[in-house]
C-alpha cells in the first residue's frame, strides 16, 4: 500500500477516535475523553497534512470526511445505540460509492 494511503488511513482512524471521544467527553465535562479528543484530532491533522504531499487537498478532504462520516455513523449505531433509517443508510452508501469512484476513476489520485 502506498505511503499516502497509510497516512490517510491513520488520519481517518484518528479522526474517528477523536469524534467518538467528543461524544464521550459529555461537552468537555469529562477530562480523559476530552484529552483523547484533542490528541486524536492533532494526530488526524498531522497525518492528513502528510497525505497532502501526495494528493490534492480536495480529494484528501473528500475521502477523510466521507469515510469519517460512515465510520462515525457505524460507531454511533453500534456503541451509542443511535438509529439509522433507510435515508441515512442510503446516504452513507452514496458516500462510500463516491469515495470508490474517486479512488477507482479519478486521475487526481495516485494509484
PDB file of N, CA and C in Angstrom:
ATOM      1  N   UNK A   1       0.854  -1.173   0.000  1.00  0.00           N
ATOM      2  CA  UNK A   1       0.000   0.000   0.000  1.00  0.00           C
ATOM      3  C   UNK A   1       0.904   1.242   0.000  1.00  0.00           C
ATOM      4  N   UNK A   2       0.620   2.186  -0.884  1.00  0.00           N
ATOM      5  CA  UNK A   2       1.433   3.414  -0.935  1.00  0.00           C
ATOM      6  C   UNK A   2       1.349   4.195   0.381  1.00  0.00           C
ATOM      7  N   UNK A   3       2.438   4.890   0.708  1.00  0.00           N
ATOM      8  CA  UNK A   3       2.537   5.588   1.982  1.00  0.00           C
ATOM      9  C   UNK A   3       1.434   6.634   2.160  1.00  0.00           C
ATOM     10  N   UNK A   4       1.006   7.275   1.085  1.00  0.00           N
ATOM     11  CA  UNK A   4      -0.028   8.302   1.248  1.00  0.00           C
ATOM     12  C   UNK A   4      -1.366   7.706   1.668  1.00  0.00           C
ATOM     13  N   UNK A   5      -1.641   6.479   1.265  1.00  0.00           N
ATOM     14  CA  UNK A   5      -2.875   5.840   1.723  1.00  0.00           C
ATOM     15  C   UNK A   5      -2.766   5.412   3.182  1.00  0.00           C
ATOM     16  N   UNK A   6      -1.565   5.038   3.610  1.00  0.00           N
ATOM     17  CA  UNK A   6      -1.362   4.707   5.027  1.00  0.00           C
ATOM     18  C   UNK A   6      -1.571   5.958   5.871  1.00  0.00           C
ATOM     19  N   UNK A   7      -0.990   7.101   5.439  1.00  0.00           N
ATOM     20  CA  UNK A   7      -1.201   8.358   6.157  1.00  0.00           C
ATOM     21  C   UNK A   7      -2.683   8.716   6.202  1.00  0.00           C
ATOM     22  N   UNK A   8      -3.371   8.558   5.095  1.00  0.00           N
ATOM     23  CA  UNK A   8      -4.796   8.904   5.041  1.00  0.00           C
ATOM     24  C   UNK A   8      -5.611   7.977   5.941  1.00  0.00           C
ATOM     25  N   UNK A   9      -5.305   6.695   5.931  1.00  0.00           N
ATOM     26  CA  UNK A   9      -5.999   5.743   6.806  1.00  0.00           C
ATOM     27  C   UNK A   9      -5.769   6.103   8.277  1.00  0.00           C
ATOM     28  N   UNK A  10      -4.529   6.437   8.641  1.00  0.00           N
ATOM     29  CA  UNK A  10      -4.245   6.836  10.021  1.00  0.00           C
ATOM     30  C   UNK A  10      -4.988   8.122  10.383  1.00  0.00           C
ATOM     31  N   UNK A  11      -5.079   9.056   9.440  1.00  0.00           N
ATOM     32  CA  UNK A  11      -5.822  10.299   9.678  1.00  0.00           C
ATOM     33  C   UNK A  11      -7.299  10.010   9.924  1.00  0.00           C
ATOM     34  N   UNK A  12      -7.862   9.103   9.148  1.00  0.00           N
ATOM     35  CA  UNK A  12      -9.281   8.749   9.304  1.00  0.00           C
ATOM     36  C   UNK A  12      -9.512   8.060  10.645  1.00  0.00           C
ATOM     37  N   UNK A  13      -8.642   7.115  10.995  1.00  0.00           N
ATOM     38  CA  UNK A  13      -8.786   6.403  12.274  1.00  0.00           C
ATOM     39  C   UNK A  13      -8.699   7.377  13.437  1.00  0.00           C
ATOM     40  N   UNK A  14      -7.715   8.288  13.383  1.00  0.00           N
ATOM     41  CA  UNK A  14      -7.565   9.265  14.462  1.00  0.00           C
ATOM     42  C   UNK A  14      -8.779  10.185  14.543  1.00  0.00           C
ATOM     43  N   UNK A  15      -9.316  10.591  13.396  1.00  0.00           N
ATOM     44  CA  UNK A  15     -10.499  11.454  13.391  1.00  0.00           C
ATOM     45  C   UNK A  15     -11.700  10.734  13.997  1.00  0.00           C
ATOM     46  N   UNK A  16     -11.859   9.469  13.685  1.00  0.00           N
ATOM     47  CA  UNK A  16     -12.976   8.694  14.238  1.00  0.00           C
ATOM     48  C   UNK A  16     -12.820   8.535  15.753  1.00  0.00           C
ATOM     49  N   UNK A  17     -11.591   8.299  16.197  1.00  0.00           N
ATOM     50  CA  UNK A  17     -11.343   8.218  17.649  1.00  0.00           C
ATOM     51  C   UNK A  17     -11.653   9.557  18.307  1.00  0.00           C
ATOM     52  N   UNK A  18     -11.206  10.646  17.693  1.00  0.00           N
ATOM     53  CA  UNK A  18     -11.460  11.970  18.253  1.00  0.00           C
ATOM     54  C   UNK A  18     -12.937  12.305  18.337  1.00  0.00           C
ATOM     55  N   UNK A  19     -13.674  11.972  17.297  1.00  0.00           N
ATOM     56  CA  UNK A  19     -15.107  12.262  17.302  1.00  0.00           C
ATOM     57  C   UNK A  19     -15.842  11.378  18.302  1.00  0.00           C
ATOM     58  N   UNK A  20     -15.425  10.135  18.424  1.00  0.00           N
ATOM     59  CA  UNK A  20     -16.021   9.249  19.439  1.00  0.00           C
ATOM     60  C   UNK A  20     -15.721   9.763  20.845  1.00  0.00           C
ATOM     61  N   UNK A  21     -14.498  10.245  21.053  1.00  0.00           N
ATOM     62  CA  UNK A  21     -14.137  10.806  22.353  1.00  0.00           C
ATOM     63  C   UNK A  21     -14.906  12.094  22.630  1.00  0.00           C
ATOM     64  N   UNK A  22     -15.226  12.851  21.577  1.00  0.00           N
ATOM     65  CA  UNK A  22     -16.025  14.067  21.765  1.00  0.00           C
ATOM     66  C   UNK A  22     -17.383  13.710  22.349  1.00  0.00           C
ATOM     67  N   UNK A  23     -18.007  12.662  21.846  1.00  0.00           N
ATOM     68  CA  UNK A  23     -19.290  12.211  22.385  1.00  0.00           C
ATOM     69  C   UNK A  23     -19.117  11.767  23.844  1.00  0.00           C
ATOM     70  N   UNK A  24     -18.027  11.043  24.104  1.00  0.00           N
ATOM     71  CA  UNK A  24     -17.791  10.536  25.460  1.00  0.00           C
ATOM     72  C   UNK A  24     -17.394  11.631  26.444  1.00  0.00           C
ATOM     73  N   UNK A  25     -16.920  12.773  25.941  1.00  0.00           N
ATOM     74  CA  UNK A  25     -16.476  13.849  26.838  1.00  0.00           C
ATOM     75  C   UNK A  25     -17.631  14.566  27.525  1.00  0.00           C
ATOM     76  N   UNK A  26     -18.837  14.353  27.050  1.00  0.00           N
ATOM     77  CA  UNK A  26     -20.036  14.991  27.623  1.00  0.00           C
ATOM     78  C   UNK A  26     -19.844  16.507  27.700  1.00  0.00           C
ATOM     79  N   UNK A  27     -19.610  17.105  26.513  1.00  0.00           N
ATOM     80  CA  UNK A  27     -19.412  18.550  26.381  1.00  0.00           C
ATOM     81  C   UNK A  27     -18.230  19.032  27.235  1.00  0.00           C
ATOM     82  N   UNK A  28     -17.133  18.295  27.186  1.00  0.00           N
ATOM     83  CA  UNK A  28     -15.883  18.625  27.873  1.00  0.00           C
ATOM     84  C   UNK A  28     -16.000  18.598  29.394  1.00  0.00           C
ATOM     85  N   UNK A  29     -16.962  17.871  29.929  1.00  0.00           N
ATOM     86  CA  UNK A  29     -17.083  17.752  31.382  1.00  0.00           C
ATOM     87  C   UNK A  29     -16.329  16.542  31.919  1.00  0.00           C
ATOM     88  N   UNK A  30     -15.868  15.677  31.047  1.00  0.00           N
ATOM     89  CA  UNK A  30     -15.070  14.507  31.443  1.00  0.00           C
ATOM     90  C   UNK A  30     -13.663  14.703  30.911  1.00  0.00           C
ATOM     91  N   UNK A  31     -12.678  14.673  31.820  1.00  0.00           N
ATOM     92  CA  UNK A  31     -11.306  15.058  31.492  1.00  0.00           C
ATOM     93  C   UNK A  31     -10.643  14.144  30.471  1.00  0.00           C
ATOM     94  N   UNK A  32     -10.568  12.853  30.715  1.00  0.00           N
ATOM     95  CA  UNK A  32      -9.790  11.963  29.842  1.00  0.00           C
ATOM     96  C   UNK A  32     -10.373  11.828  28.440  1.00  0.00           C
ATOM     97  N   UNK A  33     -11.665  11.718  28.280  1.00  0.00           N
ATOM     98  CA  UNK A  33     -12.181  11.736  26.906  1.00  0.00           C
ATOM     99  C   UNK A  33     -11.874  13.052  26.183  1.00  0.00           C
ATOM    100  N   UNK A  34     -11.862  14.175  26.919  1.00  0.00           N
ATOM    101  CA  UNK A  34     -11.526  15.468  26.315  1.00  0.00           C
ATOM    102  C   UNK A  34     -10.067  15.490  25.864  1.00  0.00           C
ATOM    103  N   UNK A  35      -9.169  14.972  26.694  1.00  0.00           N
ATOM    104  CA  UNK A  35      -7.750  14.898  26.334  1.00  0.00           C
ATOM    105  C   UNK A  35      -7.568  13.989  25.121  1.00  0.00           C
ATOM    106  N   UNK A  36      -8.241  12.848  25.127  1.00  0.00           N
ATOM    107  CA  UNK A  36      -8.147  11.920  23.990  1.00  0.00           C
ATOM    108  C   UNK A  36      -8.644  12.586  22.717  1.00  0.00           C
ATOM    109  N   UNK A  37      -9.729  13.349  22.800  1.00  0.00           N
ATOM    110  CA  UNK A  37     -10.261  14.028  21.626  1.00  0.00           C
ATOM    111  C   UNK A  37      -9.233  14.989  21.037  1.00  0.00           C
ATOM    112  N   UNK A  38      -8.634  15.815  21.864  1.00  0.00           N
ATOM    113  CA  UNK A  38      -7.650  16.786  21.376  1.00  0.00           C
ATOM    114  C   UNK A  38      -6.455  16.068  20.757  1.00  0.00           C
ATOM    115  N   UNK A  39      -5.944  15.046  21.430  1.00  0.00           N
ATOM    116  CA  UNK A  39      -4.781  14.302  20.915  1.00  0.00           C
ATOM    117  C   UNK A  39      -5.113  13.606  19.597  1.00  0.00           C
ATOM    118  N   UNK A  40      -6.290  13.023  19.513  1.00  0.00           N
ATOM    119  CA  UNK A  40      -6.671  12.301  18.297  1.00  0.00           C
ATOM    120  C   UNK A  40      -6.838  13.263  17.120  1.00  0.00           C
ATOM    121  N   UNK A  41      -7.448  14.427  17.354  1.00  0.00           N
ATOM    122  CA  UNK A  41      -7.583  15.398  16.272  1.00  0.00           C
ATOM    123  C   UNK A  41      -6.225  15.946  15.836  1.00  0.00           C
ATOM    124  N   UNK A  42      -5.327  16.150  16.785  1.00  0.00           N
ATOM    125  CA  UNK A  42      -3.975  16.595  16.414  1.00  0.00           C
ATOM    126  C   UNK A  42      -3.298  15.554  15.529  1.00  0.00           C
ATOM    127  N   UNK A  43      -3.403  14.286  15.913  1.00  0.00           N
ATOM    128  CA  UNK A  43      -2.818  13.212  15.112  1.00  0.00           C
ATOM    129  C   UNK A  43      -3.484  13.140  13.738  1.00  0.00           C
ATOM    130  N   UNK A  44      -4.789  13.297  13.718  1.00  0.00           N
ATOM    131  CA  UNK A  44      -5.509  13.234  12.450  1.00  0.00           C
ATOM    132  C   UNK A  44      -5.040  14.328  11.497  1.00  0.00           C
ATOM    133  N   UNK A  45      -4.933  15.550  12.002  1.00  0.00           N
ATOM    134  CA  UNK A  45      -4.490  16.656  11.142  1.00  0.00           C
ATOM    135  C   UNK A  45      -3.042  16.487  10.710  1.00  0.00           C
ATOM    136  N   UNK A  46      -2.209  15.925  11.588  1.00  0.00           N
ATOM    137  CA  UNK A  46      -0.816  15.664  11.202  1.00  0.00           C
ATOM    138  C   UNK A  46      -0.767  14.679  10.033  1.00  0.00           C
ATOM    139  N   UNK A  47      -1.467  13.558  10.169  1.00  0.00           N
ATOM    140  CA  UNK A  47      -1.430  12.548   9.106  1.00  0.00           C
ATOM    141  C   UNK A  47      -2.129  13.043   7.840  1.00  0.00           C
ATOM    142  N   UNK A  48      -3.192  13.833   8.004  1.00  0.00           N
ATOM    143  CA  UNK A  48      -3.842  14.374   6.818  1.00  0.00           C
ATOM    144  C   UNK A  48      -2.910  15.344   6.106  1.00  0.00           C
ATOM    145  N   UNK A  49      -2.180  16.163   6.847  1.00  0.00           N
ATOM    146  CA  UNK A  49      -1.241  17.086   6.201  1.00  0.00           C
ATOM    147  C   UNK A  49      -0.104  16.329   5.523  1.00  0.00           C
ATOM    148  N   UNK A  50       0.285  15.190   6.069  1.00  0.00           N
ATOM    149  CA  UNK A  50       1.312  14.360   5.427  1.00  0.00           C
ATOM    150  C   UNK A  50       0.796  13.790   4.110  1.00  0.00           C
ATOM    151  N   UNK A  51      -0.472  13.485   4.048  1.00  0.00           N
ATOM    152  CA  UNK A  51      -1.080  12.971   2.823  1.00  0.00           C
ATOM    153  C   UNK A  51      -1.075  14.031   1.723  1.00  0.00           C
ATOM    154  N   UNK A  52      -1.151  15.302   2.119  1.00  0.00           N
ATOM    155  CA  UNK A  52      -1.220  16.388   1.139  1.00  0.00           C
ATOM    156  C   UNK A  52       0.065  16.544   0.334  1.00  0.00           C
ATOM    157  N   UNK A  53       1.139  15.886   0.730  1.00  0.00           N
ATOM    158  CA  UNK A  53       2.367  15.881  -0.072  1.00  0.00           C
ATOM    159  C   UNK A  53       2.167  15.095  -1.361  1.00  0.00           C
ATOM    160  N   UNK A  54       1.183  14.212  -1.371  1.00  0.00           N
ATOM    161  CA  UNK A  54       0.990  13.269  -2.469  1.00  0.00           C
ATOM    162  C   UNK A  54      -0.319  13.437  -3.221  1.00  0.00           C
ATOM    163  N   UNK A  55      -1.312  14.029  -2.590  1.00  0.00           N
ATOM    164  CA  UNK A  55      -2.646  14.114  -3.173  1.00  0.00           C
ATOM    165  C   UNK A  55      -3.202  15.519  -2.988  1.00  0.00           C
ATOM    166  N   UNK A  56      -4.110  15.971  -3.884  1.00  0.00           N
ATOM    167  CA  UNK A  56      -4.715  17.295  -3.730  1.00  0.00           C
ATOM    168  C   UNK A  56      -5.636  17.365  -2.510  1.00  0.00           C
ATOM    169  N   UNK A  57      -5.711  18.545  -1.915  1.00  0.00           N
ATOM    170  CA  UNK A  57      -6.493  18.738  -0.703  1.00  0.00           C
ATOM    171  C   UNK A  57      -7.961  18.378  -0.907  1.00  0.00           C
ATOM    172  N   UNK A  58      -8.515  18.669  -2.085  1.00  0.00           N
ATOM    173  CA  UNK A  58      -9.935  18.375  -2.314  1.00  0.00           C
ATOM    174  C   UNK A  58     -10.220  16.877  -2.237  1.00  0.00           C
ATOM    175  N   UNK A  59      -9.336  16.084  -2.793  1.00  0.00           N
ATOM    176  CA  UNK A  59      -9.517  14.625  -2.780  1.00  0.00           C
ATOM    177  C   UNK A  59      -9.276  14.072  -1.381  1.00  0.00           C
ATOM    178  N   UNK A  60      -8.211  14.532  -0.732  1.00  0.00           N
ATOM    179  CA  UNK A  60      -7.903  14.073   0.624  1.00  0.00           C
ATOM    180  C   UNK A  60      -9.062  14.386   1.562  1.00  0.00           C
ATOM    181  N   UNK A  61      -9.555  15.617   1.496  1.00  0.00           N
ATOM    182  CA  UNK A  61     -10.629  16.009   2.396  1.00  0.00           C
ATOM    183  C   UNK A  61     -11.915  15.250   2.099  1.00  0.00           C
ATOM    184  N   UNK A  62     -12.200  15.009   0.836  1.00  0.00           N
ATOM    185  CA  UNK A  62     -13.414  14.261   0.479  1.00  0.00           C
ATOM    186  C   UNK A  62     -13.361  12.843   1.051  1.00  0.00           C
ATOM    187  N   UNK A  63     -12.219  12.192   0.901  1.00  0.00           N
ATOM    188  CA  UNK A  63     -12.088  10.822   1.407  1.00  0.00           C
ATOM    189  C   UNK A  63     -12.083  10.820   2.936  1.00  0.00           C
ATOM    190  N   UNK A  64     -11.315  11.726   3.543  1.00  0.00           N
ATOM    191  CA  UNK A  64     -11.192  11.802   5.002  1.00  0.00           C
ATOM    192  C   UNK A  64     -12.551  12.055   5.650  1.00  0.00           C
ATOM    193  N   UNK A  65     -13.259  13.074   5.157  1.00  0.00           N
ATOM    194  CA  UNK A  65     -14.546  13.402   5.769  1.00  0.00           C
ATOM    195  C   UNK A  65     -15.610  12.360   5.442  1.00  0.00           C
ATOM    196  N   UNK A  66     -15.616  11.862   4.210  1.00  0.00           N
ATOM    197  CA  UNK A  66     -16.623  10.875   3.814  1.00  0.00           C
ATOM    198  C   UNK A  66     -16.522   9.588   4.602  1.00  0.00           C
ATOM    199  N   UNK A  67     -15.322   9.021   4.657  1.00  0.00           N
ATOM    200  CA  UNK A  67     -15.161   7.773   5.412  1.00  0.00           C
ATOM    201  C   UNK A  67     -15.308   8.009   6.908  1.00  0.00           C
ATOM    202  N   UNK A  68     -14.894   9.194   7.378  1.00  0.00           N
ATOM    203  CA  UNK A  68     -15.113   9.516   8.788  1.00  0.00           C
ATOM    204  C   UNK A  68     -16.591   9.524   9.135  1.00  0.00           C
ATOM    205  N   UNK A  69     -17.398  10.106   8.268  1.00  0.00           N
ATOM    206  CA  UNK A  69     -18.856  10.136   8.474  1.00  0.00           C
ATOM    207  C   UNK A  69     -19.411   8.711   8.544  1.00  0.00           C
ATOM    208  N   UNK A  70     -19.000   7.874   7.613  1.00  0.00           N
ATOM    209  CA  UNK A  70     -19.505   6.497   7.576  1.00  0.00           C
ATOM    210  C   UNK A  70     -19.102   5.742   8.839  1.00  0.00           C
ATOM    211  N   UNK A  71     -17.817   5.833   9.227  1.00  0.00           N
ATOM    212  CA  UNK A  71     -17.362   5.096  10.413  1.00  0.00           C
ATOM    213  C   UNK A  71     -18.010   5.626  11.694  1.00  0.00           C
ATOM    214  N   UNK A  72     -18.190   6.941  11.804  1.00  0.00           N
ATOM    215  CA  UNK A  72     -18.857   7.500  12.983  1.00  0.00           C
ATOM    216  C   UNK A  72     -20.320   7.071  13.036  1.00  0.00           C
ATOM    217  N   UNK A  73     -20.972   7.006  11.896  1.00  0.00           N
ATOM    218  CA  UNK A  73     -22.368   6.537  11.878  1.00  0.00           C
ATOM    219  C   UNK A  73     -22.456   5.093  12.358  1.00  0.00           C
ATOM    220  N   UNK A  74     -21.503   4.273  11.921  1.00  0.00           N
ATOM    221  CA  UNK A  74     -21.492   2.869  12.356  1.00  0.00           C
ATOM    222  C   UNK A  74     -21.220   2.776  13.857  1.00  0.00           C
ATOM    223  N   UNK A  75     -20.247   3.549  14.352  1.00  0.00           N
ATOM    224  CA  UNK A  75     -19.947   3.538  15.786  1.00  0.00           C
ATOM    225  C   UNK A  75     -21.136   4.060  16.588  1.00  0.00           C
ATOM    226  N   UNK A  76     -21.762   5.125  16.106  1.00  0.00           N
ATOM    227  CA  UNK A  76     -22.946   5.639  16.789  1.00  0.00           C
ATOM    228  C   UNK A  76     -24.057   4.606  16.863  1.00  0.00           C
ATOM    229  N   UNK A  77     -24.215   3.853  15.789  1.00  0.00           N
ATOM    230  CA  UNK A  77     -25.243   2.805  15.750  1.00  0.00           C
ATOM    231  C   UNK A  77     -24.888   1.653  16.699  1.00  0.00           C
ATOM    232  N   UNK A  78     -23.629   1.199  16.668  1.00  0.00           N
ATOM    233  CA  UNK A  78     -23.219   0.058  17.488  1.00  0.00           C
ATOM    234  C   UNK A  78     -23.024   0.425  18.960  1.00  0.00           C
ATOM    235  N   UNK A  79     -22.284   1.495  19.219  1.00  0.00           N
ATOM    236  CA  UNK A  79     -21.845   1.826  20.574  1.00  0.00           C
ATOM    237  C   UNK A  79     -22.872   2.666  21.326  1.00  0.00           C
ATOM    238  N   UNK A  80     -23.406   3.686  20.660  1.00  0.00           N
ATOM    239  CA  UNK A  80     -24.305   4.610  21.330  1.00  0.00           C
ATOM    240  C   UNK A  80     -25.785   4.306  21.065  1.00  0.00           C
ATOM    241  N   UNK A  81     -26.056   3.236  20.328  1.00  0.00           N
ATOM    242  CA  UNK A  81     -27.426   2.784  20.041  1.00  0.00           C
ATOM    243  C   UNK A  81     -28.259   3.856  19.332  1.00  0.00           C
ATOM    244  N   UNK A  82     -27.607   4.641  18.465  1.00  0.00           N
ATOM    245  CA  UNK A  82     -28.307   5.651  17.675  1.00  0.00           C
ATOM    246  C   UNK A  82     -28.871   4.981  16.426  1.00  0.00           C
ATOM    247  N   UNK A  83     -30.104   5.292  16.099  1.00  0.00           N
ATOM    248  CA  UNK A  83     -30.768   4.610  14.993  1.00  0.00           C
ATOM    249  C   UNK A  83     -30.382   5.219  13.650  1.00  0.00           C
ATOM    250  N   UNK A  84     -30.409   4.385  12.626  1.00  0.00           N
ATOM    251  CA  UNK A  84     -30.182   4.814  11.244  1.00  0.00           C
ATOM    252  C   UNK A  84     -31.392   4.359  10.427  1.00  0.00           C
ATOM    253  N   UNK A  85     -32.093   5.316   9.831  1.00  0.00           N
ATOM    254  CA  UNK A  85     -33.229   4.952   8.993  1.00  0.00           C
ATOM    255  C   UNK A  85     -32.747   4.678   7.558  1.00  0.00           C
ATOM    256  N   UNK A  86     -33.684   4.352   6.690  1.00  0.00           N
ATOM    257  CA  UNK A  86     -33.331   3.998   5.311  1.00  0.00           C
ATOM    258  C   UNK A  86     -32.605   5.132   4.600  1.00  0.00           C
ATOM    259  N   UNK A  87     -33.092   6.364   4.795  1.00  0.00           N
ATOM    260  CA  UNK A  87     -32.461   7.515   4.129  1.00  0.00           C
ATOM    261  C   UNK A  87     -31.016   7.693   4.588  1.00  0.00           C
ATOM    262  N   UNK A  88     -30.756   7.497   5.875  1.00  0.00           N
ATOM    263  CA  UNK A  88     -29.388   7.610   6.389  1.00  0.00           C
ATOM    264  C   UNK A  88     -28.499   6.526   5.801  1.00  0.00           C
ATOM    265  N   UNK A  89     -28.999   5.310   5.756  1.00  0.00           N
ATOM    266  CA  UNK A  89     -28.210   4.208   5.198  1.00  0.00           C
ATOM    267  C   UNK A  89     -27.953   4.433   3.713  1.00  0.00           C
ATOM    268  N   UNK A  90     -28.952   4.894   2.984  1.00  0.00           N
ATOM    269  CA  UNK A  90     -28.769   5.202   1.566  1.00  0.00           C
ATOM    270  C   UNK A  90     -27.723   6.307   1.381  1.00  0.00           C
ATOM    271  N   UNK A  91     -27.803   7.346   2.179  1.00  0.00           N
ATOM    272  CA  UNK A  91     -26.830   8.428   2.103  1.00  0.00           C
ATOM    273  C   UNK A  91     -25.415   7.945   2.385  1.00  0.00           C
ATOM    274  N   UNK A  92     -25.267   7.088   3.381  1.00  0.00           N
ATOM    275  CA  UNK A  92     -23.949   6.532   3.701  1.00  0.00           C
ATOM    276  C   UNK A  92     -23.437   5.663   2.554  1.00  0.00           C
ATOM    277  N   UNK A  93     -24.330   4.903   1.937  1.00  0.00           N
ATOM    278  CA  UNK A  93     -23.933   4.088   0.782  1.00  0.00           C
ATOM    279  C   UNK A  93     -23.474   4.973  -0.373  1.00  0.00           C
ATOM    280  N   UNK A  94     -24.130   6.103  -0.567  1.00  0.00           N
ATOM    281  CA  UNK A  94     -23.724   7.020  -1.626  1.00  0.00           C
ATOM    282  C   UNK A  94     -22.363   7.649  -1.328  1.00  0.00           C
ATOM    283  N   UNK A  95     -22.083   7.922  -0.069  1.00  0.00           N
ATOM    284  CA  UNK A  95     -20.756   8.427   0.302  1.00  0.00           C
ATOM    285  C   UNK A  95     -19.693   7.391  -0.028  1.00  0.00           C
ATOM    286  N   UNK A  96     -19.947   6.137   0.324  1.00  0.00           N
ATOM    287  CA  UNK A  96     -18.994   5.065   0.016  1.00  0.00           C
ATOM    288  C   UNK A  96     -18.806   4.943  -1.497  1.00  0.00           C
ATOM    289  N   UNK A  97     -19.905   5.033  -2.230  1.00  0.00           N
ATOM    290  CA  UNK A  97     -19.809   4.967  -3.692  1.00  0.00           C
ATOM    291  C   UNK A  97     -18.974   6.126  -4.226  1.00  0.00           C
ATOM    292  N   UNK A  98     -19.152   7.310  -3.672  1.00  0.00           N
ATOM    293  CA  UNK A  98     -18.374   8.468  -4.107  1.00  0.00           C
ATOM    294  C   UNK A  98     -16.886   8.288  -3.851  1.00  0.00           C
ATOM    295  N   UNK A  99     -16.540   7.783  -2.683  1.00  0.00           N
ATOM    296  CA  UNK A  99     -15.130   7.534  -2.371  1.00  0.00           C
ATOM    297  C   UNK A  99     -14.563   6.475  -3.327  1.00  0.00           C
ATOM    298  N   UNK A 100     -15.331   5.427  -3.599  1.00  0.00           N
ATOM    299  CA  UNK A 100     -14.877   4.387  -4.527  1.00  0.00           C
ATOM    300  C   UNK A 100     -14.667   4.962  -5.931  1.00  0.00           C
ATOM    301  N   UNK A 101     -15.572   5.797  -6.386  1.00  0.00           N
ATOM    302  CA  UNK A 101     -15.433   6.403  -7.720  1.00  0.00           C
ATOM    303  C   UNK A 101     -14.176   7.261  -7.780  1.00  0.00           C
ATOM    304  N   UNK A 102     -13.932   8.055  -6.748  1.00  0.00           N
ATOM    305  CA  UNK A 102     -12.713   8.870  -6.717  1.00  0.00           C
ATOM    306  C   UNK A 102     -11.486   7.977  -6.796  1.00  0.00           C
ATOM    307  N   UNK A 103     -11.469   6.944  -5.977  1.00  0.00           N
ATOM    308  CA  UNK A 103     -10.297   6.063  -5.938  1.00  0.00           C
ATOM    309  C   UNK A 103     -10.091   5.305  -7.253  1.00  0.00           C
ATOM    310  N   UNK A 104     -11.139   4.808  -7.819  1.00  0.00           N
ATOM    311  CA  UNK A 104     -11.016   3.940  -8.995  1.00  0.00           C
ATOM    312  C   UNK A 104     -10.856   4.708 -10.315  1.00  0.00           C
ATOM    313  N   UNK A 105     -11.476   5.880 -10.430  1.00  0.00           N
ATOM    314  CA  UNK A 105     -11.538   6.514 -11.734  1.00  0.00           C
ATOM    315  C   UNK A 105     -10.883   7.903 -11.832  1.00  0.00           C
ATOM    316  N   UNK A 106     -10.564   8.521 -10.713  1.00  0.00           N
ATOM    317  CA  UNK A 106     -10.020   9.869 -10.779  1.00  0.00           C
ATOM    318  C   UNK A 106      -8.525   9.849 -11.093  1.00  0.00           C
ATOM    319  N   UNK A 107      -8.121  10.735 -11.962  1.00  0.00           N
ATOM    320  CA  UNK A 107      -6.695  10.905 -12.243  1.00  0.00           C
ATOM    321  C   UNK A 107      -6.046  11.855 -11.243  1.00  0.00           C
ATOM    322  N   UNK A 108      -6.805  12.357 -10.285  1.00  0.00           N
ATOM    323  CA  UNK A 108      -6.277  13.251  -9.272  1.00  0.00           C
ATOM    324  C   UNK A 108      -5.586  12.519  -8.131  1.00  0.00           C
ATOM    325  N   UNK A 109      -5.764  11.196  -8.058  1.00  0.00           N
ATOM    326  CA  UNK A 109      -5.129  10.417  -7.018  1.00  0.00           C
ATOM    327  C   UNK A 109      -4.032   9.552  -7.600  1.00  0.00           C
ATOM    328  N   UNK A 110      -3.061   9.261  -6.760  1.00  0.00           N
ATOM    329  CA  UNK A 110      -2.001   8.333  -7.170  1.00  0.00           C
ATOM    330  C   UNK A 110      -2.456   6.923  -6.875  1.00  0.00           C
ATOM    331  N   UNK A 111      -2.342   6.034  -7.830  1.00  0.00           N
ATOM    332  CA  UNK A 111      -2.782   4.648  -7.635  1.00  0.00           C
ATOM    333  C   UNK A 111      -1.584   3.739  -7.490  1.00  0.00           C
TER     334      UNK A 111
END
